[in-house]
Amino acid sequence: MTSTGPHAASPSGAAPAPIGVALLGATGSIGKSALRVLARQCDRFVPVAMTANSNLAGLAVAGDIVTRTAREHGAALVPVDSEHSAILQCLAGRQPHEVKRLILTASGGPFRTWPAEQIARATRADALKHPTWQMGSKITIDSATLANKALEVIEAHHLFGVPYDRIDVVVHPQSIIHSFVEFVDGSVLAQMGVPSMELPILYALTWPERVPDSGVSSFDPAASGGLTFEPVRHEQFPMLGLGITAGRAGGAAPAVFNAANEEAVACFLAGSLSFGGIAERVAAALHDLAALPGDSLDALLAADAAAREHVKVRIAQES
């Protein structure tokens, strides 16, 4: 989402004109959540554009370019993802040298307790049964493989300037705590709330302020049923490690990871690739395309195209 600017000038004594907001991916689940927030905040915001953009991983793919451009223009990057919004809220008023570690939470998806052999044979219907979030098909599959969490780690690295070795992921099935920030003195802050994209969207729109909104039910600690945490089972979910390794490598690797994953997920949803084949195809693309440059937008677009073609060709050869 992008705001068109500050409140427009209005006659003396009149209320400020609503801020225009452009919605990216407005036909997806996040876009629909944003529209509900805007409907409740119609005195403050008005939708001025909606685009059905299927790739919202721009910061992960081109993080260096995006953050550099933002600095050059004095722009603030305000995240909408619940995990990054949580970190932003925990960091309010804090200095970078005070931060020891970021901890992103993952629900674990529908296969949290499944053995690796069963995960590899999971069906489309199995993978689309997310236990806590209502999302579109592509992001639901990414949640099942933990590819989404890999992209979120890369995005957190760019958004907050924290090295990869100080960003961790923990499985939290209830999806109540969205992220933690551990500080150098050993204290930890966590941001909590019911699992709804409307909360981080509203915060992104009104940041750094908060405004009243009755659209999301209040969090009742006594009714939460307890909060539990588990380590990530990396052997069962290799996409997390593949994505973080791509982020560490930099250059074109994140673009290759993202594009190969998108193509592989599309093939899985179409029935031409097994669930276990998603990670296999992404790993092969990262290995074979490791030498591609990624120092410009044109180079990243070329890497994106090469990764998609790589996946298509490999799947065609195997069919």
C-alpha atoms as a PDB file:
ATOM      1  CA  MET A   1       0.000   0.000   0.000  1.00  0.00           C
ATOM      2  CA  THR A   2       1.170   3.510  -0.743  1.00  0.00           C
ATOM      3  CA  SER A   3      -0.153   6.831   0.546  1.00  0.00           C
ATOM      4  CA  THR A   4      -0.371   9.673  -1.930  1.00  0.00           C
ATOM      5  CA  GLY A   5       0.901  12.125   0.648  1.00  0.00           C
ATOM      6  CA  PRO A   6      -0.117  14.160   3.668  1.00  0.00           C
ATOM      7  CA  HIS A   7      -3.612  15.437   4.258  1.00  0.00           C
ATOM      8  CA  ALA A   8      -4.615  17.670   1.406  1.00  0.00           C
ATOM      9  CA  ALA A   9      -5.096  21.353   2.086  1.00  0.00           C
ATOM     10  CA  SER A  10      -8.612  22.229   3.135  1.00  0.00           C
ATOM     11  CA  PRO A  11     -10.470  25.466   3.825  1.00  0.00           C
ATOM     12  CA  SER A  12      -9.860  27.024   7.212  1.00  0.00           C
ATOM     13  CA  GLY A  13     -11.847  25.215   9.868  1.00  0.00           C
ATOM     14  CA  ALA A  14     -12.693  22.283   7.608  1.00  0.00           C
ATOM     15  CA  ALA A  15     -11.642  18.730   8.371  1.00  0.00           C
ATOM     16  CA  PRO A  16      -8.561  17.507   6.484  1.00  0.00           C
ATOM     17  CA  ALA A  17      -9.293  15.767   3.215  1.00  0.00           C
ATOM     18  CA  PRO A  18      -8.866  11.967   3.293  1.00  0.00           C
ATOM     19  CA  ILE A  19      -5.463  10.613   2.289  1.00  0.00           C
ATOM     20  CA  GLY A  20      -5.459   8.709  -0.994  1.00  0.00           C
ATOM     21  CA  VAL A  21      -4.172   5.142  -0.735  1.00  0.00           C
ATOM     22  CA  ALA A  22      -3.062   2.848  -3.568  1.00  0.00           C
ATOM     23  CA  LEU A  23      -3.671  -0.859  -2.907  1.00  0.00           C
ATOM     24  CA  LEU A  24      -1.233  -3.384  -4.369  1.00  0.00           C
ATOM     25  CA  GLY A  25      -2.598  -6.910  -4.604  1.00  0.00           C
ATOM     26  CA  ALA A  26      -6.104  -5.636  -3.899  1.00  0.00           C
ATOM     27  CA  THR A  27      -7.756  -8.789  -5.232  1.00  0.00           C
ATOM     28  CA  GLY A  28      -5.949 -11.003  -2.721  1.00  0.00           C
ATOM     29  CA  SER A  29      -6.609 -11.617   0.953  1.00  0.00           C
ATOM     30  CA  ILE A  30      -4.383  -8.752   2.117  1.00  0.00           C
ATOM     31  CA  GLY A  31      -6.051  -6.358  -0.306  1.00  0.00           C
ATOM     32  CA  LYS A  32      -9.489  -7.378   0.932  1.00  0.00           C
ATOM     33  CA  SER A  33      -8.400  -6.835   4.532  1.00  0.00           C
ATOM     34  CA  ALA A  34      -7.096  -3.410   3.552  1.00  0.00           C
ATOM     35  CA  LEU A  35     -10.397  -2.502   1.918  1.00  0.00           C
ATOM     36  CA  ARG A  36     -12.259  -3.406   5.103  1.00  0.00           C
ATOM     37  CA  VAL A  37      -9.923  -1.175   7.132  1.00  0.00           C
ATOM     38  CA  LEU A  38     -10.354   1.695   4.664  1.00  0.00           C
ATOM     39  CA  ALA A  39     -14.136   1.329   4.791  1.00  0.00           C
ATOM     40  CA  ARG A  40     -14.058   1.791   8.561  1.00  0.00           C
ATOM     41  CA  GLN A  41     -11.596   4.691   8.307  1.00  0.00           C
ATOM     42  CA  CYS A  42     -13.284   6.465   5.383  1.00  0.00           C
ATOM     43  CA  ASP A  43     -12.912   9.876   7.041  1.00  0.00           C
ATOM     44  CA  ARG A  44      -9.125   9.455   6.997  1.00  0.00           C
ATOM     45  CA  PHE A  45      -8.391   7.400   3.871  1.00  0.00           C
ATOM     46  CA  VAL A  46      -9.838   6.759   0.439  1.00  0.00           C
ATOM     47  CA  PRO A  47      -8.726   4.111  -2.113  1.00  0.00           C
ATOM     48  CA  VAL A  48      -7.427   5.810  -5.261  1.00  0.00           C
ATOM     49  CA  ALA A  49      -5.972   2.819  -7.127  1.00  0.00           C
ATOM     50  CA  MET A  50      -6.137  -0.959  -6.976  1.00  0.00           C
ATOM     51  CA  THR A  51      -3.817  -3.375  -8.785  1.00  0.00           C
ATOM     52  CA  ALA A  52      -3.865  -7.180  -8.835  1.00  0.00           C
ATOM     53  CA  ASN A  53      -0.121  -7.560  -8.342  1.00  0.00           C
ATOM     54  CA  SER A  54       0.699 -11.203  -7.596  1.00  0.00           C
ATOM     55  CA  ASN A  55       4.310 -10.615  -6.470  1.00  0.00           C
ATOM     56  CA  LEU A  56       4.626  -8.658  -3.246  1.00  0.00           C
ATOM     57  CA  ALA A  57       8.182  -9.873  -2.470  1.00  0.00           C
ATOM     58  CA  GLY A  58       9.872  -6.800  -3.937  1.00  0.00           C
ATOM     59  CA  LEU A  59      11.763  -5.948  -0.769  1.00  0.00           C
ATOM     60  CA  ALA A  60      13.148  -9.473  -0.471  1.00  0.00           C
ATOM     61  CA  VAL A  61      14.125  -9.611  -4.146  1.00  0.00           C
ATOM     62  CA  ALA A  62      15.545  -6.085  -4.496  1.00  0.00           C
ATOM     63  CA  GLY A  63      16.127  -5.074  -0.895  1.00  0.00           C
ATOM     64  CA  ASP A  64      19.393  -3.231  -1.457  1.00  0.00           C
ATOM     65  CA  ILE A  65      17.915  -1.193  -4.300  1.00  0.00           C
ATOM     66  CA  VAL A  66      14.651  -0.456  -2.483  1.00  0.00           C
ATOM     67  CA  THR A  67      16.270   0.615   0.783  1.00  0.00           C
ATOM     68  CA  ARG A  68      18.893   2.716  -0.993  1.00  0.00           C
ATOM     69  CA  THR A  69      16.217   4.495  -3.023  1.00  0.00           C
ATOM     70  CA  ALA A  70      14.169   5.128   0.124  1.00  0.00           C
ATOM     71  CA  ARG A  71      17.187   6.674   1.872  1.00  0.00           C
ATOM     72  CA  GLU A  72      17.986   8.868  -1.118  1.00  0.00           C
ATOM     73  CA  HIS A  73      14.447  10.258  -1.134  1.00  0.00           C
ATOM     74  CA  GLY A  74      13.954  10.473   2.621  1.00  0.00           C
ATOM     75  CA  ALA A  75      11.101   7.971   2.481  1.00  0.00           C
ATOM     76  CA  ALA A  76      10.050   5.651   5.296  1.00  0.00           C
ATOM     77  CA  LEU A  77       9.380   1.986   4.565  1.00  0.00           C
ATOM     78  CA  VAL A  78       6.438   0.999   6.764  1.00  0.00           C
ATOM     79  CA  PRO A  79       5.740  -2.763   6.654  1.00  0.00           C
ATOM     80  CA  VAL A  80       2.313  -4.370   6.374  1.00  0.00           C
ATOM     81  CA  ASP A  81       3.289  -7.975   7.147  1.00  0.00           C
ATOM     82  CA  SER A  82       2.232  -8.826  10.686  1.00  0.00           C
ATOM     83  CA  GLU A  83       5.727 -10.017  11.652  1.00  0.00           C
ATOM     84  CA  HIS A  84       7.496  -6.877  10.481  1.00  0.00           C
ATOM     85  CA  SER A  85       4.784  -4.611  11.867  1.00  0.00           C
ATOM     86  CA  ALA A  86       5.304  -6.329  15.224  1.00  0.00           C
ATOM     87  CA  ILE A  87       9.051  -5.681  15.094  1.00  0.00           C
ATOM     88  CA  LEU A  88       8.488  -2.049  14.124  1.00  0.00           C
ATOM     89  CA  GLN A  89       6.204  -1.593  17.123  1.00  0.00           C
ATOM     90  CA  CYS A  90       8.661  -3.299  19.492  1.00  0.00           C
ATOM     91  CA  LEU A  91      11.494  -1.087  18.229  1.00  0.00           C
ATOM     92  CA  ALA A  92       9.633   2.193  18.790  1.00  0.00           C
ATOM     93  CA  GLY A  93      11.999   4.617  20.533  1.00  0.00           C
ATOM     94  CA  ARG A  94      14.916   2.173  20.517  1.00  0.00           C
ATOM     95  CA  GLN A  95      18.365   2.613  18.943  1.00  0.00           C
ATOM     96  CA  PRO A  96      19.943   0.012  16.612  1.00  0.00           C
ATOM     97  CA  HIS A  97      22.813  -0.728  19.008  1.00  0.00           C
ATOM     98  CA  GLU A  98      20.278  -1.794  21.653  1.00  0.00           C
ATOM     99  CA  VAL A  99      18.948  -4.681  19.543  1.00  0.00           C
ATOM    100  CA  LYS A 100      20.454  -8.130  20.062  1.00  0.00           C
ATOM    101  CA  ARG A 101      18.114 -10.321  18.043  1.00  0.00           C
ATOM    102  CA  LEU A 102      14.867 -10.412  16.056  1.00  0.00           C
ATOM    103  CA  ILE A 103      12.632 -13.473  16.392  1.00  0.00           C
ATOM    104  CA  LEU A 104       9.883 -13.990  13.809  1.00  0.00           C
ATOM    105  CA  THR A 105       7.094 -16.421  14.558  1.00  0.00           C
ATOM    106  CA  ALA A 106       5.665 -19.003  12.165  1.00  0.00           C
ATOM    107  CA  SER A 107       2.426 -20.897  12.651  1.00  0.00           C
ATOM    108  CA  GLY A 108       4.031 -24.055  11.301  1.00  0.00           C
ATOM    109  CA  GLY A 109       1.299 -24.425   8.709  1.00  0.00           C
ATOM    110  CA  PRO A 110      -0.783 -27.568   8.180  1.00  0.00           C
ATOM    111  CA  PHE A 111       2.247 -29.898   8.267  1.00  0.00           C
ATOM    112  CA  ARG A 112       3.755 -28.762  11.557  1.00  0.00           C
ATOM    113  CA  THR A 113       3.676 -32.270  13.057  1.00  0.00           C
ATOM    114  CA  TRP A 114       3.900 -34.356   9.881  1.00  0.00           C
ATOM    115  CA  PRO A 115       6.971 -36.536   9.160  1.00  0.00           C
ATOM    116  CA  ALA A 116       9.099 -35.585   6.155  1.00  0.00           C
ATOM    117  CA  GLU A 117       7.957 -38.543   4.041  1.00  0.00           C
ATOM    118  CA  GLN A 118       4.296 -37.640   4.501  1.00  0.00           C
ATOM    119  CA  ILE A 119       4.949 -33.946   3.793  1.00  0.00           C
ATOM    120  CA  ALA A 120       6.618 -34.812   0.485  1.00  0.00           C
ATOM    121  CA  ARG A 121       3.434 -36.621  -0.617  1.00  0.00           C
ATOM    122  CA  ALA A 122       0.996 -33.942   0.601  1.00  0.00           C
ATOM    123  CA  THR A 123      -1.871 -33.115  -1.736  1.00  0.00           C
ATOM    124  CA  ARG A 124      -3.143 -29.743  -2.873  1.00  0.00           C
ATOM    125  CA  ALA A 125      -6.093 -30.063  -0.498  1.00  0.00           C
ATOM    126  CA  ASP A 126      -3.771 -30.920   2.398  1.00  0.00           C
ATOM    127  CA  ALA A 127      -1.535 -27.913   1.773  1.00  0.00           C
ATOM    128  CA  LEU A 128      -4.406 -25.436   1.517  1.00  0.00           C
ATOM    129  CA  LYS A 129      -5.741 -26.220   5.015  1.00  0.00           C
ATOM    130  CA  HIS A 130      -4.008 -23.491   7.000  1.00  0.00           C
ATOM    131  CA  PRO A 131      -4.800 -23.774  10.720  1.00  0.00           C
ATOM    132  CA  THR A 132      -4.961 -20.080  11.668  1.00  0.00           C
ATOM    133  CA  TRP A 133      -4.850 -17.686   8.682  1.00  0.00           C
ATOM    134  CA  GLN A 134      -7.281 -17.189   5.805  1.00  0.00           C
ATOM    135  CA  MET A 135      -5.150 -16.427   2.737  1.00  0.00           C
ATOM    136  CA  GLY A 136      -4.946 -16.933  -0.998  1.00  0.00           C
ATOM    137  CA  SER A 137      -3.717 -20.224  -2.476  1.00  0.00           C
ATOM    138  CA  LYS A 138      -0.160 -19.127  -3.273  1.00  0.00           C
ATOM    139  CA  ILE A 139       0.669 -17.645   0.141  1.00  0.00           C
ATOM    140  CA  THR A 140      -1.031 -20.595   1.861  1.00  0.00           C
ATOM    141  CA  ILE A 141       1.319 -22.986   0.056  1.00  0.00           C
ATOM    142  CA  ASP A 142       4.263 -20.734   0.961  1.00  0.00           C
ATOM    143  CA  SER A 143       3.177 -20.974   4.579  1.00  0.00           C
ATOM    144  CA  ALA A 144       3.051 -24.755   4.310  1.00  0.00           C
ATOM    145  CA  THR A 145       6.630 -24.906   2.949  1.00  0.00           C
ATOM    146  CA  LEU A 146       7.888 -21.977   5.116  1.00  0.00           C
ATOM    147  CA  ALA A 147       9.030 -20.195   1.946  1.00  0.00           C
ATOM    148  CA  ASN A 148       7.062 -17.185   3.171  1.00  0.00           C
ATOM    149  CA  LYS A 149       9.087 -17.155   6.381  1.00  0.00           C
ATOM    150  CA  ALA A 150      12.332 -17.200   4.411  1.00  0.00           C
ATOM    151  CA  LEU A 151      11.196 -14.140   2.454  1.00  0.00           C
ATOM    152  CA  GLU A 152      10.159 -12.454   5.704  1.00  0.00           C
ATOM    153  CA  VAL A 153      13.624 -13.032   7.193  1.00  0.00           C
ATOM    154  CA  ILE A 154      15.194 -11.412   4.122  1.00  0.00           C
ATOM    155  CA  GLU A 155      12.754  -8.508   4.362  1.00  0.00           C
ATOM    156  CA  ALA A 156      13.477  -8.072   8.089  1.00  0.00           C
ATOM    157  CA  HIS A 157      17.196  -7.913   7.316  1.00  0.00           C
ATOM    158  CA  HIS A 158      16.632  -5.065   4.862  1.00  0.00           C
ATOM    159  CA  LEU A 159      13.946  -3.222   6.824  1.00  0.00           C
ATOM    160  CA  PHE A 160      15.750  -3.155  10.154  1.00  0.00           C
ATOM    161  CA  GLY A 161      19.405  -3.523   9.181  1.00  0.00           C
ATOM    162  CA  VAL A 162      19.933  -6.580  11.388  1.00  0.00           C
ATOM    163  CA  PRO A 163      22.434  -9.239  10.191  1.00  0.00           C
ATOM    164  CA  TYR A 164      21.074 -12.650   9.269  1.00  0.00           C
ATOM    165  CA  ASP A 165      22.880 -14.349  12.148  1.00  0.00           C
ATOM    166  CA  ARG A 166      20.770 -12.253  14.532  1.00  0.00           C
ATOM    167  CA  ILE A 167      17.386 -13.098  12.992  1.00  0.00           C
ATOM    168  CA  ASP A 168      15.686 -16.288  14.159  1.00  0.00           C
ATOM    169  CA  VAL A 169      12.401 -18.073  13.478  1.00  0.00           C
ATOM    170  CA  VAL A 170      10.328 -19.973  16.044  1.00  0.00           C
ATOM    171  CA  VAL A 171       7.128 -21.961  15.493  1.00  0.00           C
ATOM    172  CA  HIS A 172       4.155 -20.540  17.397  1.00  0.00           C
ATOM    173  CA  PRO A 173       0.984 -22.466  16.414  1.00  0.00           C
ATOM    174  CA  GLN A 174      -1.489 -20.006  17.958  1.00  0.00           C
ATOM    175  CA  SER A 175      -0.264 -17.041  15.838  1.00  0.00           C
ATOM    176  CA  ILE A 176      -0.934 -14.651  18.728  1.00  0.00           C
ATOM    177  CA  ILE A 177       2.619 -13.345  19.141  1.00  0.00           C
ATOM    178  CA  HIS A 178       3.744 -12.009  15.787  1.00  0.00           C
ATOM    179  CA  SER A 179       7.411 -11.301  16.552  1.00  0.00           C
ATOM    180  CA  PHE A 180       9.856 -10.755  19.408  1.00  0.00           C
ATOM    181  CA  VAL A 181      12.729  -8.317  19.792  1.00  0.00           C
ATOM    182  CA  GLU A 182      15.494  -9.258  22.226  1.00  0.00           C
ATOM    183  CA  PHE A 183      17.629  -6.384  23.489  1.00  0.00           C
ATOM    184  CA  VAL A 184      21.261  -6.379  24.579  1.00  0.00           C
ATOM    185  CA  ASP A 185      20.299  -6.228  28.267  1.00  0.00           C
ATOM    186  CA  GLY A 186      18.445  -9.538  27.949  1.00  0.00           C
ATOM    187  CA  SER A 187      14.924  -8.128  28.012  1.00  0.00           C
ATOM    188  CA  VAL A 188      12.462  -9.187  25.321  1.00  0.00           C
ATOM    189  CA  LEU A 189       9.467  -7.363  23.865  1.00  0.00           C
ATOM    190  CA  ALA A 190       6.728  -9.220  21.991  1.00  0.00           C
ATOM    191  CA  GLN A 191       3.822  -7.801  20.016  1.00  0.00           C
ATOM    192  CA  MET A 192       0.565  -9.709  20.430  1.00  0.00           C
ATOM    193  CA  GLY A 193      -2.863  -9.639  18.837  1.00  0.00           C
ATOM    194  CA  VAL A 194      -5.519 -11.803  17.266  1.00  0.00           C
ATOM    195  CA  PRO A 195      -4.402 -13.235  13.898  1.00  0.00           C
ATOM    196  CA  SER A 196      -5.850 -10.593  11.575  1.00  0.00           C
ATOM    197  CA  MET A 197      -4.110  -8.702   8.776  1.00  0.00           C
ATOM    198  CA  GLU A 198      -6.352  -5.729   9.472  1.00  0.00           C
ATOM    199  CA  LEU A 199      -4.303  -4.756  12.542  1.00  0.00           C
ATOM    200  CA  PRO A 200      -0.903  -4.336  10.823  1.00  0.00           C
ATOM    201  CA  ILE A 201      -2.573  -2.716   7.819  1.00  0.00           C
ATOM    202  CA  LEU A 202      -4.219  -0.099  10.027  1.00  0.00           C
ATOM    203  CA  TYR A 203      -0.945   0.542  11.849  1.00  0.00           C
ATOM    204  CA  ALA A 204       0.898   0.973   8.541  1.00  0.00           C
ATOM    205  CA  LEU A 205      -1.691   3.501   7.395  1.00  0.00           C
ATOM    206  CA  THR A 206      -1.594   5.572  10.593  1.00  0.00           C
ATOM    207  CA  TRP A 207       2.052   5.068  11.667  1.00  0.00           C
ATOM    208  CA  PRO A 208       3.488   6.420  13.910  1.00  0.00           C
ATOM    209  CA  GLU A 209       0.092   7.180  15.456  1.00  0.00           C
ATOM    210  CA  ARG A 210      -2.701   4.842  16.518  1.00  0.00           C
ATOM    211  CA  VAL A 211      -6.386   5.459  15.869  1.00  0.00           C
ATOM    212  CA  PRO A 212      -9.532   3.799  17.256  1.00  0.00           C
ATOM    213  CA  ASP A 213     -10.878   0.918  15.187  1.00  0.00           C
ATOM    214  CA  SER A 214     -13.585  -1.547  16.143  1.00  0.00           C
ATOM    215  CA  GLY A 215     -13.231  -3.927  13.241  1.00  0.00           C
ATOM    216  CA  VAL A 216     -11.077  -6.539  14.966  1.00  0.00           C
ATOM    217  CA  SER A 217     -12.100  -8.373  18.119  1.00  0.00           C
ATOM    218  CA  SER A 218     -10.117  -7.659  21.271  1.00  0.00           C
ATOM    219  CA  PHE A 219      -7.523 -10.137  22.460  1.00  0.00           C
ATOM    220  CA  ASP A 220      -8.624 -12.061  25.539  1.00  0.00           C
ATOM    221  CA  PRO A 221      -5.576 -13.651  27.244  1.00  0.00           C
ATOM    222  CA  ALA A 222      -7.752 -15.897  29.401  1.00  0.00           C
ATOM    223  CA  ALA A 223      -9.465 -17.325  26.332  1.00  0.00           C
ATOM    224  CA  SER A 224      -6.304 -17.857  24.288  1.00  0.00           C
ATOM    225  CA  GLY A 225      -5.873 -21.412  25.535  1.00  0.00           C
ATOM    226  CA  GLY A 226      -2.156 -20.980  26.180  1.00  0.00           C
ATOM    227  CA  LEU A 227       0.789 -19.974  24.008  1.00  0.00           C
ATOM    228  CA  THR A 228       3.327 -22.564  22.868  1.00  0.00           C
ATOM    229  CA  PHE A 229       6.595 -22.416  20.937  1.00  0.00           C
ATOM    230  CA  GLU A 230       8.664 -24.984  19.051  1.00  0.00           C
ATOM    231  CA  PRO A 231      11.925 -24.970  17.095  1.00  0.00           C
ATOM    232  CA  VAL A 232      11.674 -25.142  13.312  1.00  0.00           C
ATOM    233  CA  ARG A 233      12.179 -28.657  11.912  1.00  0.00           C
ATOM    234  CA  HIS A 234      14.578 -27.675   9.142  1.00  0.00           C
ATOM    235  CA  GLU A 235      14.862 -31.172   7.679  1.00  0.00           C
ATOM    236  CA  GLN A 236      11.111 -31.290   7.124  1.00  0.00           C
ATOM    237  CA  PHE A 237      10.949 -27.686   5.853  1.00  0.00           C
ATOM    238  CA  PRO A 238      14.042 -27.093   3.658  1.00  0.00           C
ATOM    239  CA  MET A 239      12.591 -24.015   1.962  1.00  0.00           C
ATOM    240  CA  LEU A 240      13.341 -21.878   5.016  1.00  0.00           C
ATOM    241  CA  GLY A 241      17.036 -22.683   4.887  1.00  0.00           C
ATOM    242  CA  LEU A 242      17.178 -22.331   1.098  1.00  0.00           C
ATOM    243  CA  GLY A 243      15.652 -18.864   1.257  1.00  0.00           C
ATOM    244  CA  ILE A 244      17.825 -17.598   4.098  1.00  0.00           C
ATOM    245  CA  THR A 245      20.932 -18.923   2.328  1.00  0.00           C
ATOM    246  CA  ALA A 246      19.819 -17.028  -0.786  1.00  0.00           C
ATOM    247  CA  GLY A 247      19.390 -13.885   1.290  1.00  0.00           C
ATOM    248  CA  ARG A 248      22.886 -14.234   2.727  1.00  0.00           C
ATOM    249  CA  ALA A 249      24.326 -14.749  -0.768  1.00  0.00           C
ATOM    250  CA  GLY A 250      22.621 -11.598  -2.026  1.00  0.00           C
ATOM    251  CA  GLY A 251      22.895 -10.524  -5.638  1.00  0.00           C
ATOM    252  CA  ALA A 252      20.434 -12.385  -7.825  1.00  0.00           C
ATOM    253  CA  ALA A 253      19.942 -15.294  -5.406  1.00  0.00           C
ATOM    254  CA  PRO A 254      16.829 -13.898  -3.659  1.00  0.00           C
ATOM    255  CA  ALA A 255      15.243 -13.186  -7.051  1.00  0.00           C
ATOM    256  CA  VAL A 256      16.011 -16.730  -8.193  1.00  0.00           C
ATOM    257  CA  PHE A 257      14.591 -18.177  -4.966  1.00  0.00           C
ATOM    258  CA  ASN A 258      11.390 -16.142  -5.222  1.00  0.00           C
ATOM    259  CA  ALA A 259      10.777 -16.749  -8.927  1.00  0.00           C
ATOM    260  CA  ALA A 260      11.615 -20.455  -8.812  1.00  0.00           C
ATOM    261  CA  ASN A 261       9.313 -20.862  -5.829  1.00  0.00           C
ATOM    262  CA  GLU A 262       6.460 -19.014  -7.544  1.00  0.00           C
ATOM    263  CA  GLU A 263       6.791 -21.190 -10.634  1.00  0.00           C
ATOM    264  CA  ALA A 264       7.099 -24.403  -8.624  1.00  0.00           C
ATOM    265  CA  VAL A 265       4.078 -23.548  -6.472  1.00  0.00           C
ATOM    266  CA  ALA A 266       2.030 -22.795  -9.593  1.00  0.00           C
ATOM    267  CA  CYS A 267       2.970 -26.209 -10.974  1.00  0.00           C
ATOM    268  CA  PHE A 268       2.074 -27.895  -7.678  1.00  0.00           C
ATOM    269  CA  LEU A 269      -1.316 -26.199  -7.633  1.00  0.00           C
ATOM    270  CA  ALA A 270      -1.842 -27.275 -11.247  1.00  0.00           C
ATOM    271  CA  GLY A 271      -1.020 -30.884 -10.394  1.00  0.00           C
ATOM    272  CA  SER A 272       2.218 -31.188 -12.389  1.00  0.00           C
ATOM    273  CA  LEU A 273       4.621 -31.195  -9.419  1.00  0.00           C
ATOM    274  CA  SER A 274       4.607 -32.955  -6.063  1.00  0.00           C
ATOM    275  CA  PHE A 275       4.735 -30.967  -2.831  1.00  0.00           C
ATOM    276  CA  GLY A 276       8.206 -32.303  -2.116  1.00  0.00           C
ATOM    277  CA  GLY A 277       9.236 -31.276  -5.614  1.00  0.00           C
ATOM    278  CA  ILE A 278       8.840 -27.573  -4.780  1.00  0.00           C
ATOM    279  CA  ALA A 279      11.999 -27.461  -2.663  1.00  0.00           C
ATOM    280  CA  GLU A 280      13.843 -29.723  -5.115  1.00  0.00           C
ATOM    281  CA  ARG A 281      13.150 -27.422  -8.044  1.00  0.00           C
ATOM    282  CA  VAL A 282      14.067 -24.281  -6.072  1.00  0.00           C
ATOM    283  CA  ALA A 283      17.322 -25.836  -4.839  1.00  0.00           C
ATOM    284  CA  ALA A 284      18.264 -26.833  -8.390  1.00  0.00           C
ATOM    285  CA  ALA A 285      17.575 -23.329  -9.716  1.00  0.00           C
ATOM    286  CA  LEU A 286      19.661 -21.726  -6.964  1.00  0.00           C
ATOM    287  CA  HIS A 287      22.539 -24.104  -7.708  1.00  0.00           C
ATOM    288  CA  ASP A 288      22.482 -23.806 -11.490  1.00  0.00           C
ATOM    289  CA  LEU A 289      21.908 -20.028 -11.622  1.00  0.00           C
ATOM    290  CA  ALA A 290      24.301 -19.042  -8.829  1.00  0.00           C
ATOM    291  CA  ALA A 291      26.517 -17.006 -11.166  1.00  0.00           C
ATOM    292  CA  LEU A 292      23.787 -14.648 -12.391  1.00  0.00           C
ATOM    293  CA  PRO A 293      24.402 -10.949 -11.627  1.00  0.00           C
ATOM    294  CA  GLY A 294      21.958  -8.987  -9.489  1.00  0.00           C
ATOM    295  CA  ASP A 295      23.389  -5.481  -9.391  1.00  0.00           C
ATOM    296  CA  SER A 296      20.517  -3.723 -11.172  1.00  0.00           C
ATOM    297  CA  LEU A 297      16.774  -4.009 -11.648  1.00  0.00           C
ATOM    298  CA  ASP A 298      17.327  -5.254 -15.198  1.00  0.00           C
ATOM    299  CA  ALA A 299      19.662  -7.967 -13.907  1.00  0.00           C
ATOM    300  CA  LEU A 300      17.138  -9.003 -11.254  1.00  0.00           C
ATOM    301  CA  LEU A 301      14.354  -9.174 -13.844  1.00  0.00           C
ATOM    302  CA  ALA A 302      16.582 -11.334 -16.036  1.00  0.00           C
ATOM    303  CA  ALA A 303      17.324 -13.609 -13.070  1.00  0.00           C
ATOM    304  CA  ASP A 304      13.601 -13.850 -12.363  1.00  0.00           C
ATOM    305  CA  ALA A 305      12.900 -14.921 -15.943  1.00  0.00           C
ATOM    306  CA  ALA A 306      15.797 -17.390 -15.959  1.00  0.00           C
ATOM    307  CA  ALA A 307      14.604 -19.033 -12.745  1.00  0.00           C
ATOM    308  CA  ARG A 308      11.067 -19.440 -14.042  1.00  0.00           C
ATOM    309  CA  GLU A 309      12.307 -20.959 -17.281  1.00  0.00           C
ATOM    310  CA  HIS A 310      14.644 -23.264 -15.378  1.00  0.00           C
ATOM    311  CA  VAL A 311      11.767 -24.680 -13.332  1.00  0.00           C
ATOM    312  CA  LYS A 312       9.494 -25.069 -16.365  1.00  0.00           C
ATOM    313  CA  VAL A 313      12.155 -26.892 -18.380  1.00  0.00           C
ATOM    314  CA  ARG A 314      13.089 -29.253 -15.546  1.00  0.00           C
ATOM    315  CA  ILE A 315       9.473 -30.175 -14.864  1.00  0.00           C
ATOM    316  CA  ALA A 316       8.810 -30.709 -18.587  1.00  0.00           C
ATOM    317  CA  GLN A 317      11.856 -32.992 -18.808  1.00  0.00           C
ATOM    318  CA  GLU A 318      10.622 -35.072 -15.876  1.00  0.00           C
ATOM    319  CA  SER A 319       7.035 -35.443 -17.086  1.00  0.00           C
END
